[in-house]
Protein backbone atom coordinates (compact mmCIF):
# COMPACT_ATOMS: atom_id res chain seq x y z
CA MET A 1 95.12 132.73 69.75
CA SER A 2 98.39 132.86 71.69
CA LYS A 3 97.19 130.09 74.03
CA LEU A 4 96.29 127.95 71.04
CA TRP A 5 99.71 128.52 69.52
CA ASP A 6 101.46 127.67 72.82
CA ASP A 7 99.38 124.51 73.20
CA LEU A 8 100.18 123.52 69.63
CA LYS A 9 103.93 124.05 70.22
CA ASP A 10 103.79 121.98 73.44
CA ASN A 11 101.90 119.20 71.68
CA MET A 12 104.39 119.23 68.79
CA LYS A 13 107.29 118.90 71.28
CA ASP A 14 105.56 115.97 72.99
CA TRP A 15 104.83 114.30 69.67
CA SER A 16 108.40 114.76 68.44
CA VAL A 17 109.87 113.29 71.64
CA SER A 18 107.44 110.40 71.45
CA ALA A 19 108.19 109.89 67.75
CA VAL A 20 111.93 109.70 68.45
CA GLU A 21 111.34 107.15 71.21
CA LYS A 22 109.15 105.06 68.93
CA ALA A 23 111.68 105.27 66.12
CA GLU A 24 114.38 103.99 68.49
CA GLU A 25 112.11 101.12 69.57
CA MET A 26 111.31 100.22 65.98
CA SER A 27 115.00 100.27 65.00
CA LYS A 28 115.80 97.90 67.89
CA ILE A 29 113.04 95.58 66.68
CA ALA A 30 114.37 95.76 63.13
CA VAL A 31 117.88 94.88 64.32
CA ALA A 32 116.56 91.94 66.35
CA LYS A 33 114.48 90.68 63.41
CA THR A 34 117.50 90.96 61.11
CA GLU A 35 119.60 89.01 63.58
CA GLU A 36 116.90 86.33 63.84
CA MET A 37 116.65 86.00 60.06
CA THR A 38 120.44 85.83 59.75
CA ARG A 39 120.69 83.05 62.32
CA ILE A 40 117.85 81.11 60.72
CA SER A 41 119.32 81.55 57.23
CA LYS A 42 122.67 80.24 58.42
CA VAL A 43 121.06 77.11 59.89
CA LYS A 44 118.93 76.61 56.76
CA PHE A 45 122.08 76.81 54.64
CA GLU A 46 123.70 74.17 56.86
CA ILE A 47 120.60 71.97 56.39
CA HIS A 48 120.85 72.47 52.63
CA GLN A 49 124.49 71.38 52.71
CA LEU A 50 123.55 68.28 54.71
CA TYR A 51 120.90 67.39 52.12
CA ARG A 52 123.47 67.76 49.33
CA GLU A 53 125.86 65.52 51.23
CA MET A 54 123.07 62.98 51.76
CA ASP A 55 122.21 63.06 48.03
CA LYS A 56 125.83 62.20 47.20
CA ILE A 57 125.75 59.28 49.62
CA TYR A 58 122.47 58.08 48.10
CA ALA A 59 124.15 58.20 44.69
CA ASP A 60 127.11 56.20 46.03
CA LEU A 61 124.68 53.73 47.58
CA GLY A 62 122.86 53.36 44.26
CA LYS A 63 126.12 52.74 42.43
CA LEU A 64 127.12 50.15 45.01
CA VAL A 65 123.77 48.36 44.72
CA TYR A 66 123.95 48.43 40.93
CA GLU A 67 127.53 47.13 40.81
CA HIS A 68 126.87 44.45 43.42
CA THR A 69 123.70 43.27 41.71
CA LYS A 70 125.14 43.37 38.17
CA ASN A 71 128.56 41.86 38.87
CA ASP A 72 127.75 39.43 41.65
CA HIS A 73 124.16 38.69 40.59
CA MET A 74 123.14 39.11 44.20
CA ALA A 75 120.52 41.36 45.73
CA SER A 76 121.41 40.57 49.33
CA PHE A 77 123.61 42.98 51.22
CA SER A 78 123.89 41.16 54.53
CA GLY A 79 127.48 41.38 55.67
CA ASN A 80 128.39 44.00 53.06
CA LYS A 81 130.45 46.51 55.04
CA ASP A 82 130.31 49.27 52.39
CA PHE A 83 126.53 49.05 52.12
CA PHE A 84 125.91 49.39 55.85
CA GLU A 85 128.52 52.13 56.16
CA LEU A 86 126.65 54.23 53.57
CA VAL A 87 123.29 53.53 55.22
CA SER A 88 124.79 54.57 58.57
CA LYS A 89 126.11 57.82 57.08
CA ILE A 90 122.64 58.64 55.73
CA GLU A 91 121.06 57.99 59.13
CA ASN A 92 123.65 60.21 60.84
CA ILE A 93 122.95 63.04 58.40
CA LYS A 94 119.21 62.70 59.04
CA ILE A 95 119.89 63.08 62.77
CA LYS A 96 121.98 66.21 62.08
CA ILE A 97 119.19 67.65 59.91
CA ASN A 98 116.63 67.08 62.67
CA SER A 99 118.97 68.77 65.14
CA LYS A 100 119.36 71.78 62.82
CA GLU A 101 115.59 72.02 62.36
CA SER A 102 115.24 72.01 66.15
CA GLN A 103 117.75 74.88 66.28
CA ILE A 104 115.47 76.91 64.01
CA VAL A 105 112.53 76.31 66.37
CA VAL A 106 114.68 77.45 69.32
CA ILE A 107 115.80 80.57 67.46
CA LYS A 108 112.18 81.43 66.64
CA LYS A 109 111.19 80.92 70.28
CA ASP A 110 114.09 83.13 71.41
CA TYR A 111 112.83 85.93 69.22
CA ASP A 112 109.14 85.34 69.90
CA ALA A 113 109.30 87.77 72.83
CA ASP A 114 110.68 90.37 70.44
CA ASP A 115 107.69 89.81 68.14
CA ARG A 116 105.35 90.50 71.06
CA ASP A 117 107.35 93.65 71.84
CA GLU A 118 106.98 94.71 68.22
CA GLN A 119 103.19 94.37 68.37
CA GLU A 120 103.10 96.30 71.64
CA SER A 121 105.15 99.07 70.01
CA LYS A 122 102.75 99.22 67.07
CA ASP A 123 99.80 99.43 69.46
CA THR A 124 101.53 102.19 71.41
CA ILE A 125 102.28 104.17 68.26
CA GLU A 126 98.65 103.94 67.18
CA HIS A 127 97.62 105.10 70.65
CA ASP A 128 100.15 107.95 70.83
CA PHE A 129 99.54 109.13 67.27
CA PRO A 130 95.86 108.78 66.52
CA GLU A 131 94.68 110.04 63.20
CA ILE A 132 94.26 113.81 63.38
CA PRO A 133 90.67 114.78 62.57
CA LYS A 134 90.27 116.85 59.45
CA ASN A 135 89.02 120.38 59.77
CA SER A 136 85.49 120.66 58.40
CA GLU A 137 85.87 124.31 57.45
């Protein structure tokens, strides 16, 4: 009985040390995932702001087209500096949005290794802490 008790104490020490190590690993993963989500959220907010800015320019463009068509009875905008300036602004914003979306892909790739580490940690935990069989007595 004493041997059984000693073995149980040794196993409990090993499990507790292993549990602490796994908890540290999991907390590092959680911090990394939080950082990833924060960075992605920031870029998504910037994209949202760019879309709002683009919507305002589209509204200005619509007003310009309406005014030009109504007042001048013309539907041609060749040579209209204001028209092409607004179109150029929209195109520049679209380029910025594409750049921001590429940043999100890069951020996800940067943290992809962390996701693999997370899965490895889960596999290790399952290996180190298998389900304890129930006593049939």
